[in-house]
Each structure stands twice: as C-alpha cells, then as structure tokens.
Protein backbone atom coordinates (compact mmCIF):
# COMPACT_ATOMS: atom_id res chain seq x y z
CA MET A 1 0.00 0.00 0.00
CA GLU A 2 1.20 3.57 -0.66
CA LYS A 3 1.84 5.20 2.71
CA GLY A 4 1.74 8.71 1.23
CA ARG A 5 -1.72 8.21 -0.25
CA ARG A 6 -2.93 6.60 2.98
CA SER A 7 -1.71 9.47 5.16
CA GLN A 8 -3.17 12.08 2.82
CA GLY A 9 -6.58 10.39 2.75
CA ARG A 10 -6.74 10.09 6.53
CA SER A 11 -5.62 13.68 6.97
CA GLU A 12 -8.38 14.94 4.70
CA VAL A 13 -11.01 12.97 6.63
CA ALA A 14 -9.71 14.22 9.97
CA THR A 15 -9.79 17.81 8.69
CA VAL A 16 -13.40 17.49 7.62
CA LEU A 17 -14.42 15.91 10.91
CA ARG A 18 -12.71 18.57 13.00
CA ASN A 19 -13.68 21.61 10.94
CA LYS A 20 -15.77 23.66 13.34
CA ASN A 21 -16.63 26.18 10.62
CA ALA A 22 -18.25 23.59 8.37
CA PRO A 23 -21.97 24.24 7.84
CA PRO A 24 -24.24 22.02 9.93
CA ASN A 25 -25.84 19.14 8.07
CA PHE A 26 -28.97 17.26 9.01
CA ALA A 27 -28.23 13.69 10.05
CA ALA A 28 -30.27 11.05 11.86
CA THR A 29 -30.21 7.28 12.24
CA ARG A 30 -33.02 4.77 12.05
CA SER A 31 -33.52 1.05 11.65
CA LEU A 32 -32.65 -0.33 8.22
CA THR A 33 -35.63 -1.36 6.10
CA PRO A 34 -35.94 -3.50 2.94
CA LEU A 35 -36.79 -0.32 1.00
CA ASP A 36 -33.28 0.93 1.67
CA PHE A 37 -32.00 -1.75 -0.70
CA LEU A 38 -33.86 -0.05 -3.56
CA ARG A 39 -32.23 3.24 -2.63
CA PHE A 40 -28.85 1.54 -2.50
CA VAL A 41 -29.21 0.48 -6.15
CA PHE A 42 -28.92 4.13 -7.22
CA TRP A 43 -25.84 4.89 -5.13
CA GLU A 44 -22.60 5.66 -6.93
CA GLU A 45 -20.42 2.58 -7.43
CA SER A 46 -17.70 3.87 -5.07
CA ALA A 47 -20.17 3.77 -2.18
CA LYS A 48 -21.38 0.21 -2.81
CA ALA A 49 -18.26 -1.49 -1.45
CA ASN A 50 -18.58 -2.96 2.03
CA ARG A 51 -15.90 -1.18 4.09
CA ALA A 52 -16.14 -3.65 7.02
CA HIS A 53 -14.39 -7.02 6.77
CA THR A 54 -14.97 -10.22 8.73
CA LEU A 55 -13.35 -13.64 8.42
CA LYS A 56 -16.18 -14.55 6.07
CA SER A 57 -15.60 -11.64 3.69
CA LEU A 58 -11.85 -11.07 3.54
CA ALA A 59 -10.32 -9.92 0.24
CA GLY A 60 -13.73 -9.32 -1.34
CA LEU A 61 -14.77 -12.96 -1.10
CA ARG A 62 -18.44 -11.95 -0.83
CA SER A 63 -20.39 -9.54 -3.04
CA SER A 64 -21.37 -6.36 -1.19
CA PHE A 65 -24.52 -6.11 -3.34
CA TYR A 66 -25.61 -9.57 -2.20
CA SER A 67 -24.69 -8.75 1.39
CA LEU A 68 -27.06 -5.78 1.59
CA ILE A 69 -29.93 -7.92 0.30
CA ARG A 70 -29.09 -10.51 2.92
CA ILE A 71 -29.03 -8.15 5.91
CA SER A 72 -32.26 -6.48 4.78
CA ARG A 73 -34.04 -9.86 4.74
CA SER A 74 -32.47 -11.56 7.74
CA GLY A 75 -34.58 -10.05 10.49
CA LEU A 76 -36.14 -13.25 11.76
CA SER A 77 -32.90 -15.25 11.64
CA ILE A 78 -30.76 -12.90 13.75
CA ARG A 79 -33.32 -11.02 15.83
CA GLY A 80 -31.79 -10.28 19.20
CA ARG A 81 -28.28 -11.12 17.95
CA GLY A 82 -27.84 -8.38 15.35
CA CYS A 83 -28.80 -4.85 14.38
CA ALA A 84 -28.71 -2.69 11.25
CA TRP A 85 -29.02 1.07 10.88
CA ALA A 86 -29.37 3.63 8.13
CA LEU A 87 -27.89 7.12 8.31
CA SER A 88 -30.02 9.80 6.67
CA GLY A 89 -28.78 13.22 5.61
CA ASP A 90 -30.05 16.13 3.57
CA ALA A 91 -29.89 13.99 0.43
CA GLY A 92 -31.49 10.86 1.88
CA VAL A 93 -29.72 7.70 3.06
CA ILE A 94 -25.96 8.28 3.05
CA GLY A 95 -24.70 5.38 5.19
CA VAL A 96 -25.61 1.87 6.33
CA ALA A 97 -24.10 -0.20 9.14
CA ALA A 98 -24.91 -3.68 10.44
CA ALA A 99 -23.48 -5.59 13.40
CA ARG A 100 -23.88 -8.98 15.02
CA GLN A 101 -22.60 -10.94 17.98
CA ARG A 102 -19.31 -12.75 17.61
CA SER A 103 -19.19 -15.90 19.78
CA GLY A 104 -21.08 -14.46 22.73
CA PRO A 105 -23.43 -11.59 23.61
CA GLN A 106 -20.65 -9.54 25.22
CA SER A 107 -18.72 -9.06 21.95
CA TRP A 108 -20.09 -7.66 18.69
CA GLU A 109 -18.59 -6.91 15.28
CA ILE A 110 -19.60 -4.54 12.52
CA THR A 111 -20.14 -6.77 9.50
CA HIS A 112 -21.29 -4.17 6.96
CA LEU A 113 -20.47 -0.50 6.55
CA PHE A 114 -21.52 1.37 3.42
CA ALA A 115 -20.88 5.10 3.16
CA LYS A 116 -21.30 7.76 0.51
CA PRO A 117 -18.18 9.91 0.02
CA ALA A 118 -19.85 12.96 1.56
CA SER A 119 -21.05 11.10 4.67
CA HIS A 120 -17.80 10.86 6.65
CA ARG A 121 -18.61 13.83 8.85
CA GLN A 122 -21.84 12.19 10.04
CA LEU A 123 -20.58 8.59 10.30
CA PRO A 124 -19.73 8.82 14.03
CA LEU A 125 -23.47 9.15 14.62
CA LEU A 126 -24.05 5.89 12.73
CA LEU A 127 -21.33 4.06 14.63
CA ASP A 128 -22.73 5.41 17.89
CA SER A 129 -26.16 3.96 17.06
CA VAL A 130 -24.56 0.54 16.53
CA SER A 131 -22.78 0.82 19.90
CA THR A 132 -25.98 1.79 21.68
CA ALA A 133 -27.91 -1.09 20.12
CA ALA A 134 -25.17 -3.57 21.08
CA ALA A 135 -25.11 -2.23 24.65
CA ALA A 136 -28.88 -2.71 24.90
CA LYS A 137 -28.39 -6.39 24.00
CA GLY A 138 -25.67 -7.01 26.58
CA GLY A 139 -22.68 -5.97 24.46
CA GLU A 140 -19.51 -4.84 26.21
CA ARG A 141 -17.35 -4.19 23.13
CA VAL A 142 -17.74 -3.73 19.37
CA PHE A 143 -15.07 -4.67 16.80
CA ILE A 144 -14.55 -3.33 13.30
CA ARG A 145 -11.98 -4.41 10.70
CA LEU A 146 -11.12 -1.98 7.90
CA SER A 147 -8.67 -2.06 5.02
CA GLY A 148 -5.29 -0.72 6.08
CA ASP A 149 -5.54 2.32 3.78
CA ASP A 150 -9.19 3.15 4.50
CA PRO A 151 -9.70 6.78 5.63
CA LEU A 152 -12.54 5.54 7.85
CA ILE A 153 -9.91 4.32 10.33
CA ASP A 154 -9.72 7.91 11.58
CA VAL A 155 -13.51 8.12 11.73
CA ALA A 156 -13.60 4.98 13.86
CA LYS A 157 -10.95 6.37 16.20
CA LEU A 158 -12.91 9.57 16.67
CA SER A 159 -15.89 7.36 17.53
CA GLY A 160 -13.98 5.69 20.37
CA TYR A 161 -12.50 2.64 18.61
CA PHE A 162 -9.01 1.49 19.63
CA PRO A 163 -6.33 0.06 19.68
CA GLN A 164 -5.05 -0.21 16.15
CA VAL A 165 -4.03 -3.81 15.39
CA SER A 166 -2.50 -4.30 11.95
CA GLU A 167 -3.08 -7.61 10.15
CA VAL A 168 -1.78 -9.03 6.88
CA LEU A 169 -3.82 -11.39 4.70
CA PHE A 170 -1.77 -14.09 2.95
CA GLN A 171 -2.99 -16.27 0.09
CA LYS A 172 -1.91 -19.52 -1.53
CA ARG A 173 -3.52 -21.67 -4.22
CA LEU A 174 -3.32 -25.39 -3.53
CA GLU A 175 -2.45 -27.84 -6.29
CA GLY A 176 -2.81 -31.07 -4.25
CA GLY A 177 -5.85 -32.78 -2.75
CA SER A 178 -7.14 -33.29 0.75
CA SER A 179 -5.73 -36.12 2.86
CA VAL A 180 -6.70 -35.16 6.41
CA PRO A 181 -10.34 -35.30 7.56
CA MET A 182 -12.03 -32.28 9.14
CA ALA A 183 -13.21 -31.91 12.73
CA GLY A 184 -14.10 -35.00 14.71
CA HIS A 185 -11.82 -37.40 12.83
CA ILE A 186 -8.28 -36.36 13.73
CA GLY A 187 -8.41 -38.05 17.13
CA SER A 188 -4.87 -38.33 18.46
CA SER A 189 -1.82 -38.10 16.21
CA GLY A 190 1.39 -37.58 18.15
CA PRO A 191 1.08 -34.27 19.99
CA PHE A 192 -2.06 -33.31 18.01
CA ARG A 193 -5.68 -34.02 18.87
CA ASP A 194 -9.12 -32.50 18.41
CA LYS A 195 -9.85 -29.59 20.72
CA ALA A 196 -12.11 -30.39 23.68
CA PRO A 197 -14.10 -28.00 25.92
CA LYS A 198 -11.71 -28.77 28.79
CA ASP A 199 -8.91 -27.07 26.81
CA ASP A 200 -10.39 -23.57 27.04
CA HIS A 201 -8.54 -22.57 30.21
CA ASP A 202 -5.18 -23.68 28.80
CA LEU A 203 -5.89 -21.89 25.51
CA PHE A 204 -6.77 -18.72 27.41
CA ARG A 205 -3.45 -18.87 29.24
CA MET A 206 -1.67 -19.32 25.91
CA TYR A 207 -3.57 -16.34 24.50
CA ASN A 208 -2.39 -14.22 27.44
CA ALA A 209 1.21 -15.30 26.83
CA VAL A 210 1.32 -14.33 23.13
CA THR A 211 -0.98 -11.28 22.93
CA PRO A 212 0.19 -7.71 23.64
CA PRO A 213 -1.32 -6.31 26.88
CA GLU A 214 -3.14 -3.40 25.22
CA ILE A 215 -5.03 -5.84 23.01
CA ARG A 216 -5.89 -8.13 25.93
CA PHE A 217 -7.21 -5.13 27.84
CA ALA A 218 -9.49 -4.10 24.97
CA VAL A 219 -10.75 -7.62 24.26
CA GLY A 220 -11.32 -8.38 27.94
CA MET A 221 -9.23 -9.80 30.74
CA THR A 222 -11.40 -12.81 31.54
CA LEU A 223 -11.90 -16.22 29.97
CA GLU A 224 -15.54 -15.39 29.28
CA SER A 225 -14.62 -12.15 27.44
CA TRP A 226 -11.98 -13.88 25.33
CA MET A 227 -14.33 -16.70 24.32
CA ALA A 228 -17.10 -14.24 23.41
CA SER A 229 -14.68 -12.23 21.25
CA ARG A 230 -13.45 -15.11 19.08
CA GLU A 231 -14.47 -14.80 15.45
CA ARG A 232 -16.52 -17.48 13.74
CA PRO A 233 -14.99 -18.40 10.36
CA GLY A 234 -18.06 -20.19 9.01
CA GLY A 235 -18.06 -23.15 6.65
CA LYS A 236 -16.86 -26.59 7.70
CA SER A 237 -14.28 -25.99 10.40
CA ALA A 238 -11.96 -27.86 12.76
CA GLU A 239 -9.90 -26.99 15.82
CA VAL A 240 -6.78 -28.97 16.69
CA VAL A 241 -4.57 -28.51 19.74
CA MET A 242 -0.92 -29.35 20.18
CA GLU A 243 -0.16 -30.78 23.61
CA GLY A 244 2.96 -29.98 25.60
CA GLU A 245 4.41 -31.29 28.82
CA ASP A 246 2.63 -28.65 30.88
CA GLY A 247 -0.61 -28.15 28.99
CA ILE A 248 -1.74 -26.93 25.57
CA ALA A 249 1.15 -25.54 23.53
CA GLY A 250 -0.60 -24.59 20.28
CA LEU A 251 -3.91 -24.22 18.46
CA LEU A 252 -4.80 -24.73 14.79
CA ARG A 253 -8.17 -23.64 13.45
CA TYR A 254 -9.02 -24.17 9.81
CA SER A 255 -12.24 -23.91 7.85
CA ARG A 256 -13.22 -24.91 4.34
CA ARG A 257 -15.80 -23.62 1.90
CA PRO A 258 -16.37 -24.65 -1.73
CA SER A 259 -14.06 -21.99 -3.17
CA PHE A 260 -11.67 -21.03 -0.37
CA GLY A 261 -10.29 -21.97 3.02
CA LEU A 262 -8.95 -20.18 6.09
CA ILE A 263 -6.11 -21.18 8.42
CA GLU A 264 -5.22 -19.77 11.86
CA ALA A 265 -2.32 -21.05 13.96
CA VAL A 266 -0.72 -19.94 17.23
CA THR A 267 1.70 -21.50 19.71
CA ARG A 268 3.23 -20.58 23.02
CA PRO A 269 6.51 -18.63 22.56
CA GLU A 270 8.70 -21.57 23.58
CA ARG A 271 6.94 -23.96 21.15
CA ARG A 272 7.27 -21.99 17.92
CA HIS A 273 8.71 -25.05 16.18
CA GLY A 274 5.19 -26.51 16.21
CA LEU A 275 3.84 -23.86 13.83
CA GLY A 276 5.11 -25.63 10.73
CA PRO A 277 3.43 -28.99 11.40
CA MET A 278 0.18 -27.24 12.34
CA VAL A 279 0.07 -25.20 9.14
CA GLU A 280 0.82 -28.33 7.10
CA MET A 281 -2.08 -30.12 8.81
CA GLY A 282 -4.38 -27.23 7.95
CA LEU A 283 -3.29 -27.25 4.30
CA LEU A 284 -3.85 -30.99 4.03
CA GLY A 285 -7.43 -30.45 5.17
CA MET A 286 -8.20 -28.33 2.09
CA SER A 287 -9.50 -29.41 -1.31
CA GLU A 288 -7.60 -29.40 -4.60
CA GLY A 289 -7.54 -26.01 -6.29
CA THR A 290 -8.65 -24.16 -3.13
CA GLU A 291 -7.52 -20.61 -2.46
CA VAL A 292 -6.23 -20.72 1.12
CA TYR A 293 -6.04 -17.55 3.22
CA CYS A 294 -4.24 -16.87 6.48
CA LEU A 295 -4.87 -13.61 8.39
CA VAL A 296 -1.87 -12.87 10.61
CA PRO A 297 -1.64 -10.11 13.26
CA GLU A 298 1.51 -8.00 13.09
CA TYR A 299 2.83 -9.43 16.35
CA GLN A 300 2.86 -13.02 14.98
CA VAL A 301 6.17 -12.48 13.17
CA GLU A 302 7.19 -16.15 13.16
CA LEU A 303 3.96 -17.24 11.48
CA GLN A 304 4.32 -14.58 8.77
CA SER A 305 7.83 -15.76 7.96
CA LEU A 306 6.78 -19.43 7.99
CA ILE A 307 3.86 -19.14 5.58
CA VAL A 308 5.88 -17.03 3.16
CA ASP A 309 8.41 -19.87 3.06
CA LYS A 310 5.50 -22.22 2.28
CA GLY A 311 4.48 -20.24 -0.79
CA PHE A 312 1.92 -17.78 0.61
CA ARG A 313 1.96 -14.20 -0.60
CA ALA A 314 0.60 -11.05 1.02
CA VAL A 315 -2.52 -9.80 -0.79
CA ALA A 316 -4.09 -7.26 1.58
CA ASP A 317 -3.63 -5.54 4.90
CA TYR A 318 -6.24 -4.65 7.49
CA VAL A 319 -6.65 -2.82 10.78
CA THR A 320 -8.93 -4.12 13.53
CA LEU A 321 -10.21 -1.71 16.16
CA VAL A 322 -12.44 -2.23 19.20
CA LYS A 323 -14.70 0.07 21.18
CA SER A 324 -15.30 -0.71 24.84
CA LEU A 325 -18.88 0.14 25.73
CA THR A 326 -18.96 2.35 28.79
CA VAL A 327 -21.57 2.92 31.47
CA LYS A 328 -22.65 5.94 29.42
CA ASP A 329 -23.36 3.71 26.41
CA ARG A 330 -25.52 1.44 28.56
CA GLU A 331 -27.39 4.40 30.01
CA LYS A 332 -28.09 5.67 26.50
CA SER A 333 -29.42 2.26 25.52
CA ARG A 334 -31.80 2.22 28.49
CA LEU A 335 -33.20 5.60 27.46
CA ARG A 336 -34.44 4.13 24.20
CA ALA A 337 -37.99 2.87 24.50
CA SER A 338 -37.18 0.19 21.94
CA VAL A 339 -34.11 -0.75 19.95
CA PRO A 340 -34.74 -1.66 16.29
CA SER A 341 -33.02 -4.77 15.03
CA VAL A 342 -33.00 -6.72 11.82
C-alpha cells in the first residue's frame, strides 16, 4: 500500500471531521428497512463497497450487493443477535451499518459498513447507534476491521475505537488434494488431537502469553470475554490442539468452503517449532484447487515468515479496532424505548 496516499486520505477525513466552521448538516439514524435496498441500487459505485471485513468476507470474497440484500431480509434469523441502521442526511440515506454478535453476547462486530463519500462527517453518529444497540443487547465491546488504507480508520478512532491492530492477509492456491479429515476425525496423532471444551482454560493462558497487553485489555481480561470475542470463520471448520508437557502448547483452526479456506495457527513462545506442522495439517485439510487464506496479526512475526516460506503471498492488509462500551453507552441504551433490530 502507498503510505503517502494513505496518510493524505486520513488527513483529509480528519480535517473534515474537526472543521468547526463547516456548515451544519442534518443527520439522523433509524432502523434499516428492505426499501433501503432499492435506494442503494442508485448509489454511486464507489459507495457500494462494504468497508467492514470479517473472516467470512476477507479480500472481497463476498459480493457487497448480495450482502445488503441478505441483511435487509435476515430479520427473523438474527433477531436479538444483530442490528442494522441507516444514516439519513439532507440527500437521503448516506450510510448503512450492520453488526452482530461474535461468539457471545458480550462481543459484537460490525459486518457491513456502506458510506457515501460525503457522509464521513456524520458517520460517528451511525457508529454510535450501533454501539448503543449492542449495549442494549448485553454488548460490552464492538469490533470493526477496515482495510489498512481506509480513511474511515480515523472516523472509527474519533468514535472511540481502539487500539489499532494491523493484520496481513496471505494467500496460496493449492495444487494437491485433501488427505486429512475435518473436525471429529483427527483423534490423536502424536502431539495433536481434536480440541475439547476442557482445553479452554489452557488456551486462554496461551492467548495471554502471546498477545500484547493493550489488546488483551481491549478484548477483555477474563476467559468469558476472550471466548465471546473469538471470530466465527463459518463453513466446515476444525480446531486442533498441540499438547505440551505442561498443557496446551498450540492451536490450529481451519475452515473450508467450496471456493476457499482459512487457516489460523498460534503457539506458546517456547513452542514456535510446532507452527510448521500445524500449518501443514491445515493445508492438508483443504481441497484441490482451493484458495487458502491466512490472516496474521503483526505481532505473529514467526507465522508470517513461515507461511511465506511455504508459498503464501501477502494480498491485503487490514486494521482491527475495538470500542469498549462504557456505562454511558448502557445508560443511552436504556433511554431508548425500543431498539430496532434486523
């Protein structure tokens, strides 16, 4: 990515947001409705790209046009576990945001964020509505992942999202076939076995050992907070642990869909040599011709080096931010007579 262009874009957004002499614009949020999809059809093409990225939509793996149809129709399926809002300005709807729970009600993620170019100044209001809705449903934090050069990173920061965690997405196309079954069939193979519920405490301790303190603080300092904040990759997935002499020493999670797969791997610092075998196991679980992706946080330097040696190449970079919902957010949610959800 071009750092000069990134800095210039963010600077321009920050200037607009902080310009006290800018004329006031009308802006209000409301629940998203199916009719908003018809309005979205007439948006300029630059505004139709989903700016939020989840494990299910990395590198443009899902059409943003299809996604908006899906969130406008999914009310019954995610009621109570999701919300979607429209931001209206002088010229009608200028922004759309949708969020859902991650693995527990305490942690939410913004899954969709559509914004017209002229809407950046009002977007904090839209993000605030998402936070308030999440707080009303028991949320304690909201995550958002943006492209590394997206000017909306500064908008998110001004809306209370932090810290900034850089991630690199790596990609590799497989030529071979699958030779290792998915979850439930690995059993015990040397130090590897299927993850069991009893492993959660050991995995939480490993997470504390490898994750920078500022990230642990934002995600939550308890086992319950960590488990609620884990992302769900979707598709057919498996979790494999690597056992050590004094507990769990590593975790592999891989998922497979018809056209692509995802791999995640982490070990305790003293067991870095186990990363290679875990990544190989994940690759063997994929199908022939699959595009395999691996999203690696900047602090997992060893994993980045390893997968590059195995033929992966960097294709995109992202930034994940998190907003901790305060007592004020919960008070605002209680003031609402009802909270729309879709």
